[in-house]
């Protein structure tokens, strides 16, 4: 059975390699929630690291353009409710 492509970020644009929308896409969020099912603090730390990398990449990709707050996109969706 062929392996499905992983919904991972394409850097430096931080778009999904599979569906092309802003990463993390819905499929990536579901995968991450499954991987970190028993470790929400670990998930949040991982997402914060990815957010820092995205901020650096997007700033380099778009010099002179104020970057948006990426917290809702990367960490906000995963915080406990």
PDB file of N, CA and C in Angstrom:
ATOM      1  N   UNK A   1       0.853  -1.179   0.000  1.00  0.00           N
ATOM      2  CA  UNK A   1       0.000   0.000   0.000  1.00  0.00           C
ATOM      3  C   UNK A   1       0.896   1.238   0.000  1.00  0.00           C
ATOM      4  N   UNK A   2       0.702   2.142  -0.939  1.00  0.00           N
ATOM      5  CA  UNK A   2       1.549   3.339  -1.006  1.00  0.00           C
ATOM      6  C   UNK A   2       1.315   4.246   0.206  1.00  0.00           C
ATOM      7  N   UNK A   3       2.395   4.861   0.655  1.00  0.00           N
ATOM      8  CA  UNK A   3       2.308   5.768   1.798  1.00  0.00           C
ATOM      9  C   UNK A   3       1.778   7.123   1.339  1.00  0.00           C
ATOM     10  N   UNK A   4       0.876   7.691   2.139  1.00  0.00           N
ATOM     11  CA  UNK A   4       0.325   9.009   1.821  1.00  0.00           C
ATOM     12  C   UNK A   4       1.378  10.077   2.090  1.00  0.00           C
ATOM     13  N   UNK A   5       1.377  11.126   1.296  1.00  0.00           N
ATOM     14  CA  UNK A   5       2.316  12.221   1.565  1.00  0.00           C
ATOM     15  C   UNK A   5       1.973  12.898   2.886  1.00  0.00           C
ATOM     16  N   UNK A   6       2.996  13.337   3.580  1.00  0.00           N
ATOM     17  CA  UNK A   6       2.821  13.975   4.883  1.00  0.00           C
ATOM     18  C   UNK A   6       2.516  15.461   4.705  1.00  0.00           C
ATOM     19  N   UNK A   7       1.518  15.926   5.401  1.00  0.00           N
ATOM     20  CA  UNK A   7       1.158  17.349   5.380  1.00  0.00           C
ATOM     21  C   UNK A   7       2.162  18.100   6.241  1.00  0.00           C
ATOM     22  N   UNK A   8       3.289  18.438   5.641  1.00  0.00           N
ATOM     23  CA  UNK A   8       4.375  19.120   6.343  1.00  0.00           C
ATOM     24  C   UNK A   8       4.618  20.475   5.694  1.00  0.00           C
ATOM     25  N   UNK A   9       5.300  21.364   6.409  1.00  0.00           N
ATOM     26  CA  UNK A   9       5.511  22.703   5.865  1.00  0.00           C
ATOM     27  C   UNK A   9       6.575  22.734   4.776  1.00  0.00           C
ATOM     28  N   UNK A  10       6.306  23.494   3.754  1.00  0.00           N
ATOM     29  CA  UNK A  10       7.279  23.768   2.699  1.00  0.00           C
ATOM     30  C   UNK A  10       7.906  25.111   3.045  1.00  0.00           C
ATOM     31  N   UNK A  11       9.181  25.051   3.400  1.00  0.00           N
ATOM     32  CA  UNK A  11       9.867  26.280   3.809  1.00  0.00           C
ATOM     33  C   UNK A  11      10.545  26.915   2.614  1.00  0.00           C
ATOM     34  N   UNK A  12      10.609  28.211   2.541  1.00  0.00           N
ATOM     35  CA  UNK A  12      10.355  29.207   3.571  1.00  0.00           C
ATOM     36  C   UNK A  12       8.940  29.786   3.561  1.00  0.00           C
ATOM     37  N   UNK A  13       8.057  29.275   2.707  1.00  0.00           N
ATOM     38  CA  UNK A  13       6.722  29.882   2.601  1.00  0.00           C
ATOM     39  C   UNK A  13       5.763  29.426   3.706  1.00  0.00           C
ATOM     40  N   UNK A  14       6.069  28.310   4.334  1.00  0.00           N
ATOM     41  CA  UNK A  14       5.222  27.736   5.372  1.00  0.00           C
ATOM     42  C   UNK A  14       3.817  27.448   4.854  1.00  0.00           C
ATOM     43  N   UNK A  15       3.791  26.865   3.661  1.00  0.00           N
ATOM     44  CA  UNK A  15       2.563  26.338   3.072  1.00  0.00           C
ATOM     45  C   UNK A  15       2.655  24.819   3.135  1.00  0.00           C
ATOM     46  N   UNK A  16       1.526  24.146   3.167  1.00  0.00           N
ATOM     47  CA  UNK A  16       1.504  22.687   3.229  1.00  0.00           C
ATOM     48  C   UNK A  16       2.014  22.097   1.916  1.00  0.00           C
ATOM     49  N   UNK A  17       2.891  21.105   2.023  1.00  0.00           N
ATOM     50  CA  UNK A  17       3.437  20.436   0.832  1.00  0.00           C
ATOM     51  C   UNK A  17       2.355  19.720   0.027  1.00  0.00           C
ATOM     52  N   UNK A  18       1.296  19.302   0.679  1.00  0.00           N
ATOM     53  CA  UNK A  18       0.271  18.498   0.016  1.00  0.00           C
ATOM     54  C   UNK A  18      -0.882  19.353  -0.501  1.00  0.00           C
ATOM     55  N   UNK A  19      -1.470  20.164   0.383  1.00  0.00           N
ATOM     56  CA  UNK A  19      -2.677  20.897  -0.020  1.00  0.00           C
ATOM     57  C   UNK A  19      -2.426  22.369  -0.348  1.00  0.00           C
ATOM     58  N   UNK A  20      -1.238  22.876  -0.052  1.00  0.00           N
ATOM     59  CA  UNK A  20      -0.871  24.221  -0.465  1.00  0.00           C
ATOM     60  C   UNK A  20      -1.396  25.360   0.381  1.00  0.00           C
ATOM     61  N   UNK A  21      -2.172  25.056   1.413  1.00  0.00           N
ATOM     62  CA  UNK A  21      -2.678  26.136   2.260  1.00  0.00           C
ATOM     63  C   UNK A  21      -1.671  26.429   3.378  1.00  0.00           C
ATOM     64  N   UNK A  22      -1.934  27.495   4.120  1.00  0.00           N
ATOM     65  CA  UNK A  22      -1.020  27.874   5.203  1.00  0.00           C
ATOM     66  C   UNK A  22      -0.893  26.720   6.191  1.00  0.00           C
ATOM     67  N   UNK A  23       0.351  26.405   6.506  1.00  0.00           N
ATOM     68  CA  UNK A  23       0.612  25.328   7.448  1.00  0.00           C
ATOM     69  C   UNK A  23       0.630  25.879   8.856  1.00  0.00           C
ATOM     70  N   UNK A  24       0.100  25.213   9.862  1.00  0.00           N
ATOM     71  CA  UNK A  24      -0.434  23.857   9.804  1.00  0.00           C
ATOM     72  C   UNK A  24      -1.863  23.820   9.259  1.00  0.00           C
ATOM     73  N   UNK A  25      -2.050  22.953   8.285  1.00  0.00           N
ATOM     74  CA  UNK A  25      -3.373  22.756   7.698  1.00  0.00           C
ATOM     75  C   UNK A  25      -4.177  21.841   8.631  1.00  0.00           C
ATOM     76  N   UNK A  26      -5.406  21.599   8.313  1.00  0.00           N
ATOM     77  CA  UNK A  26      -6.263  20.755   9.162  1.00  0.00           C
ATOM     78  C   UNK A  26      -5.697  19.355   9.324  1.00  0.00           C
ATOM     79  N   UNK A  27      -5.188  18.787   8.243  1.00  0.00           N
ATOM     80  CA  UNK A  27      -4.623  17.434   8.319  1.00  0.00           C
ATOM     81  C   UNK A  27      -3.389  17.409   9.218  1.00  0.00           C
ATOM     82  N   UNK A  28      -2.555  18.434   9.140  1.00  0.00           N
ATOM     83  CA  UNK A  28      -1.367  18.502   9.991  1.00  0.00           C
ATOM     84  C   UNK A  28      -1.770  18.664  11.454  1.00  0.00           C
ATOM     85  N   UNK A  29      -2.785  19.464  11.716  1.00  0.00           N
ATOM     86  CA  UNK A  29      -3.255  19.652  13.095  1.00  0.00           C
ATOM     87  C   UNK A  29      -3.748  18.333  13.677  1.00  0.00           C
ATOM     88  N   UNK A  30      -4.518  17.591  12.906  1.00  0.00           N
ATOM     89  CA  UNK A  30      -5.013  16.301  13.377  1.00  0.00           C
ATOM     90  C   UNK A  30      -3.859  15.341  13.653  1.00  0.00           C
ATOM     91  N   UNK A  31      -2.876  15.314  12.759  1.00  0.00           N
ATOM     92  CA  UNK A  31      -1.717  14.441  12.960  1.00  0.00           C
ATOM     93  C   UNK A  31      -0.961  14.835  14.220  1.00  0.00           C
ATOM     94  N   UNK A  32      -0.733  16.133  14.405  1.00  0.00           N
ATOM     95  CA  UNK A  32       0.000  16.606  15.583  1.00  0.00           C
ATOM     96  C   UNK A  32      -0.760  16.304  16.870  1.00  0.00           C
ATOM     97  N   UNK A  33      -2.074  16.497  16.866  1.00  0.00           N
ATOM     98  CA  UNK A  33      -2.872  16.169  18.045  1.00  0.00           C
ATOM     99  C   UNK A  33      -2.761  14.684  18.379  1.00  0.00           C
ATOM    100  N   UNK A  34      -2.733  13.849  17.368  1.00  0.00           N
ATOM    101  CA  UNK A  34      -2.573  12.409  17.595  1.00  0.00           C
ATOM    102  C   UNK A  34      -1.195  12.062  18.127  1.00  0.00           C
ATOM    103  N   UNK A  35      -0.172  12.661  17.551  1.00  0.00           N
ATOM    104  CA  UNK A  35       1.199  12.381  17.975  1.00  0.00           C
ATOM    105  C   UNK A  35       1.453  12.828  19.412  1.00  0.00           C
ATOM    106  N   UNK A  36       0.845  13.926  19.800  1.00  0.00           N
ATOM    107  CA  UNK A  36       1.063  14.497  21.135  1.00  0.00           C
ATOM    108  C   UNK A  36      -0.156  14.300  22.041  1.00  0.00           C
ATOM    109  N   UNK A  37      -0.920  13.276  21.800  1.00  0.00           N
ATOM    110  CA  UNK A  37      -2.165  13.027  22.531  1.00  0.00           C
ATOM    111  C   UNK A  37      -1.973  13.094  24.045  1.00  0.00           C
ATOM    112  N   UNK A  38      -0.901  12.538  24.529  1.00  0.00           N
ATOM    113  CA  UNK A  38      -0.654  12.484  25.970  1.00  0.00           C
ATOM    114  C   UNK A  38       0.313  13.558  26.449  1.00  0.00           C
ATOM    115  N   UNK A  39       0.668  14.508  25.585  1.00  0.00           N
ATOM    116  CA  UNK A  39       1.680  15.502  25.956  1.00  0.00           C
ATOM    117  C   UNK A  39       1.353  16.870  25.366  1.00  0.00           C
ATOM    118  N   UNK A  40       0.285  17.489  25.870  1.00  0.00           N
ATOM    119  CA  UNK A  40      -0.119  18.807  25.365  1.00  0.00           C
ATOM    120  C   UNK A  40       0.983  19.846  25.569  1.00  0.00           C
ATOM    121  N   UNK A  41       1.667  19.888  26.735  1.00  0.00           N
ATOM    122  CA  UNK A  41       2.759  20.854  26.887  1.00  0.00           C
ATOM    123  C   UNK A  41       3.870  20.641  25.850  1.00  0.00           C
ATOM    124  N   UNK A  42       4.148  19.389  25.537  1.00  0.00           N
ATOM    125  CA  UNK A  42       5.156  19.094  24.512  1.00  0.00           C
ATOM    126  C   UNK A  42       4.722  19.589  23.143  1.00  0.00           C
ATOM    127  N   UNK A  43       3.435  19.420  22.827  1.00  0.00           N
ATOM    128  CA  UNK A  43       2.895  19.914  21.554  1.00  0.00           C
ATOM    129  C   UNK A  43       3.035  21.427  21.481  1.00  0.00           C
ATOM    130  N   UNK A  44       2.668  22.113  22.557  1.00  0.00           N
ATOM    131  CA  UNK A  44       2.750  23.576  22.556  1.00  0.00           C
ATOM    132  C   UNK A  44       4.193  24.050  22.419  1.00  0.00           C
ATOM    133  N   UNK A  45       5.124  23.375  23.073  1.00  0.00           N
ATOM    134  CA  UNK A  45       6.540  23.738  22.952  1.00  0.00           C
ATOM    135  C   UNK A  45       7.029  23.508  21.523  1.00  0.00           C
ATOM    136  N   UNK A  46       6.634  22.385  20.935  1.00  0.00           N
ATOM    137  CA  UNK A  46       7.026  22.072  19.554  1.00  0.00           C
ATOM    138  C   UNK A  46       6.475  23.128  18.588  1.00  0.00           C
ATOM    139  N   UNK A  47       5.209  23.484  18.769  1.00  0.00           N
ATOM    140  CA  UNK A  47       4.591  24.480  17.895  1.00  0.00           C
ATOM    141  C   UNK A  47       5.232  25.855  18.066  1.00  0.00           C
ATOM    142  N   UNK A  48       5.623  26.188  19.296  1.00  0.00           N
ATOM    143  CA  UNK A  48       6.292  27.475  19.537  1.00  0.00           C
ATOM    144  C   UNK A  48       7.644  27.517  18.814  1.00  0.00           C
ATOM    145  N   UNK A  49       8.356  26.406  18.806  1.00  0.00           N
ATOM    146  CA  UNK A  49       9.627  26.343  18.075  1.00  0.00           C
ATOM    147  C   UNK A  49       9.396  26.515  16.571  1.00  0.00           C
ATOM    148  N   UNK A  50       8.367  25.852  16.063  1.00  0.00           N
ATOM    149  CA  UNK A  50       8.051  25.978  14.640  1.00  0.00           C
ATOM    150  C   UNK A  50       7.624  27.405  14.301  1.00  0.00           C
ATOM    151  N   UNK A  51       6.897  28.039  15.209  1.00  0.00           N
ATOM    152  CA  UNK A  51       6.481  29.421  14.992  1.00  0.00           C
ATOM    153  C   UNK A  51       7.698  30.334  14.879  1.00  0.00           C
ATOM    154  N   UNK A  52       8.686  30.140  15.739  1.00  0.00           N
ATOM    155  CA  UNK A  52       9.906  30.951  15.663  1.00  0.00           C
ATOM    156  C   UNK A  52      10.600  30.772  14.324  1.00  0.00           C
ATOM    157  N   UNK A  53      10.684  29.530  13.858  1.00  0.00           N
ATOM    158  CA  UNK A  53      11.311  29.261  12.565  1.00  0.00           C
ATOM    159  C   UNK A  53      10.516  29.911  11.434  1.00  0.00           C
ATOM    160  N   UNK A  54       9.194  29.841  11.513  1.00  0.00           N
ATOM    161  CA  UNK A  54       8.343  30.447  10.483  1.00  0.00           C
ATOM    162  C   UNK A  54       8.511  31.962  10.469  1.00  0.00           C
ATOM    163  N   UNK A  55       8.559  32.570  11.654  1.00  0.00           N
ATOM    164  CA  UNK A  55       8.742  34.025  11.721  1.00  0.00           C
ATOM    165  C   UNK A  55      10.059  34.428  11.063  1.00  0.00           C
ATOM    166  N   UNK A  56      11.121  33.675  11.333  1.00  0.00           N
ATOM    167  CA  UNK A  56      12.419  33.984  10.734  1.00  0.00           C
ATOM    168  C   UNK A  56      12.370  33.817   9.215  1.00  0.00           C
ATOM    169  N   UNK A  57      11.795  32.706   8.748  1.00  0.00           N
ATOM    170  CA  UNK A  57      11.710  32.461   7.300  1.00  0.00           C
ATOM    171  C   UNK A  57      10.867  33.513   6.603  1.00  0.00           C
ATOM    172  N   UNK A  58       9.707  33.822   7.164  1.00  0.00           N
ATOM    173  CA  UNK A  58       8.805  34.771   6.510  1.00  0.00           C
ATOM    174  C   UNK A  58       9.366  36.185   6.529  1.00  0.00           C
ATOM    175  N   UNK A  59      10.123  36.537   7.570  1.00  0.00           N
ATOM    176  CA  UNK A  59      10.770  37.844   7.610  1.00  0.00           C
ATOM    177  C   UNK A  59      11.839  37.936   6.527  1.00  0.00           C
ATOM    178  N   UNK A  60      12.589  36.863   6.346  1.00  0.00           N
ATOM    179  CA  UNK A  60      13.617  36.826   5.301  1.00  0.00           C
ATOM    180  C   UNK A  60      12.980  36.843   3.916  1.00  0.00           C
ATOM    181  N   UNK A  61      11.885  36.133   3.772  1.00  0.00           N
ATOM    182  CA  UNK A  61      11.191  36.042   2.485  1.00  0.00           C
ATOM    183  C   UNK A  61      10.539  37.362   2.090  1.00  0.00           C
ATOM    184  N   UNK A  62      10.103  38.139   3.096  1.00  0.00           N
ATOM    185  CA  UNK A  62       9.394  39.393   2.852  1.00  0.00           C
ATOM    186  C   UNK A  62      10.048  40.531   3.624  1.00  0.00           C
ATOM    187  N   UNK A  63      11.283  40.892   3.260  1.00  0.00           N
ATOM    188  CA  UNK A  63      11.971  41.942   4.026  1.00  0.00           C
ATOM    189  C   UNK A  63      11.227  43.279   3.938  1.00  0.00           C
ATOM    190  N   UNK A  64      11.209  43.977   5.061  1.00  0.00           N
ATOM    191  CA  UNK A  64      10.560  45.280   5.091  1.00  0.00           C
ATOM    192  C   UNK A  64       9.063  45.239   5.271  1.00  0.00           C
ATOM    193  N   UNK A  65       8.484  44.033   5.314  1.00  0.00           N
ATOM    194  CA  UNK A  65       7.046  43.888   5.495  1.00  0.00           C
ATOM    195  C   UNK A  65       6.804  43.427   6.925  1.00  0.00           C
ATOM    196  N   UNK A  66       5.948  44.132   7.633  1.00  0.00           N
ATOM    197  CA  UNK A  66       5.642  43.732   9.010  1.00  0.00           C
ATOM    198  C   UNK A  66       4.982  42.360   9.000  1.00  0.00           C
ATOM    199  N   UNK A  67       5.545  41.461   9.770  1.00  0.00           N
ATOM    200  CA  UNK A  67       4.980  40.114   9.803  1.00  0.00           C
ATOM    201  C   UNK A  67       3.788  40.061  10.740  1.00  0.00           C
ATOM    202  N   UNK A  68       2.780  39.292  10.380  1.00  0.00           N
ATOM    203  CA  UNK A  68       1.594  39.180  11.227  1.00  0.00           C
ATOM    204  C   UNK A  68       1.916  38.349  12.470  1.00  0.00           C
ATOM    205  N   UNK A  69       1.068  38.447  13.470  1.00  0.00           N
ATOM    206  CA  UNK A  69       1.204  37.622  14.659  1.00  0.00           C
ATOM    207  C   UNK A  69       0.850  36.182  14.270  1.00  0.00           C
ATOM    208  N   UNK A  70       1.816  35.299  14.372  1.00  0.00           N
ATOM    209  CA  UNK A  70       1.610  33.913  13.979  1.00  0.00           C
ATOM    210  C   UNK A  70       1.123  33.029  15.119  1.00  0.00           C
ATOM    211  N   UNK A  71       0.953  33.600  16.293  1.00  0.00           N
ATOM    212  CA  UNK A  71       0.563  32.795  17.456  1.00  0.00           C
ATOM    213  C   UNK A  71      -0.761  32.058  17.243  1.00  0.00           C
ATOM    214  N   UNK A  72      -1.824  32.717  16.763  1.00  0.00           N
ATOM    215  CA  UNK A  72      -3.072  31.963  16.557  1.00  0.00           C
ATOM    216  C   UNK A  72      -2.895  30.811  15.560  1.00  0.00           C
ATOM    217  N   UNK A  73      -2.106  31.041  14.553  1.00  0.00           N
ATOM    218  CA  UNK A  73      -1.897  30.043  13.502  1.00  0.00           C
ATOM    219  C   UNK A  73      -1.105  28.841  14.012  1.00  0.00           C
ATOM    220  N   UNK A  74      -0.084  29.083  14.819  1.00  0.00           N
ATOM    221  CA  UNK A  74       0.792  28.000  15.234  1.00  0.00           C
ATOM    222  C   UNK A  74       0.460  27.422  16.602  1.00  0.00           C
ATOM    223  N   UNK A  75       0.143  28.245  17.563  1.00  0.00           N
ATOM    224  CA  UNK A  75      -0.034  27.769  18.938  1.00  0.00           C
ATOM    225  C   UNK A  75      -1.473  27.891  19.422  1.00  0.00           C
ATOM    226  N   UNK A  76      -2.143  28.945  19.025  1.00  0.00           N
ATOM    227  CA  UNK A  76      -3.483  29.227  19.547  1.00  0.00           C
ATOM    228  C   UNK A  76      -4.471  28.094  19.399  1.00  0.00           C
ATOM    229  N   UNK A  77      -4.453  27.409  18.270  1.00  0.00           N
ATOM    230  CA  UNK A  77      -5.421  26.345  18.033  1.00  0.00           C
ATOM    231  C   UNK A  77      -5.213  25.149  18.949  1.00  0.00           C
ATOM    232  N   UNK A  78      -4.012  24.974  19.488  1.00  0.00           N
ATOM    233  CA  UNK A  78      -3.686  23.794  20.266  1.00  0.00           C
ATOM    234  C   UNK A  78      -3.780  24.017  21.773  1.00  0.00           C
ATOM    235  N   UNK A  79      -4.017  25.249  22.195  1.00  0.00           N
ATOM    236  CA  UNK A  79      -4.101  25.513  23.626  1.00  0.00           C
ATOM    237  C   UNK A  79      -5.342  24.851  24.202  1.00  0.00           C
ATOM    238  N   UNK A  80      -5.225  24.424  25.446  1.00  0.00           N
ATOM    239  CA  UNK A  80      -6.360  23.768  26.124  1.00  0.00           C
ATOM    240  C   UNK A  80      -7.522  24.742  26.231  1.00  0.00           C
ATOM    241  N   UNK A  81      -8.688  24.238  26.056  1.00  0.00           N
ATOM    242  CA  UNK A  81      -9.898  25.076  26.116  1.00  0.00           C
ATOM    243  C   UNK A  81     -10.724  24.691  27.308  1.00  0.00           C
TER     244      UNK A  81
END
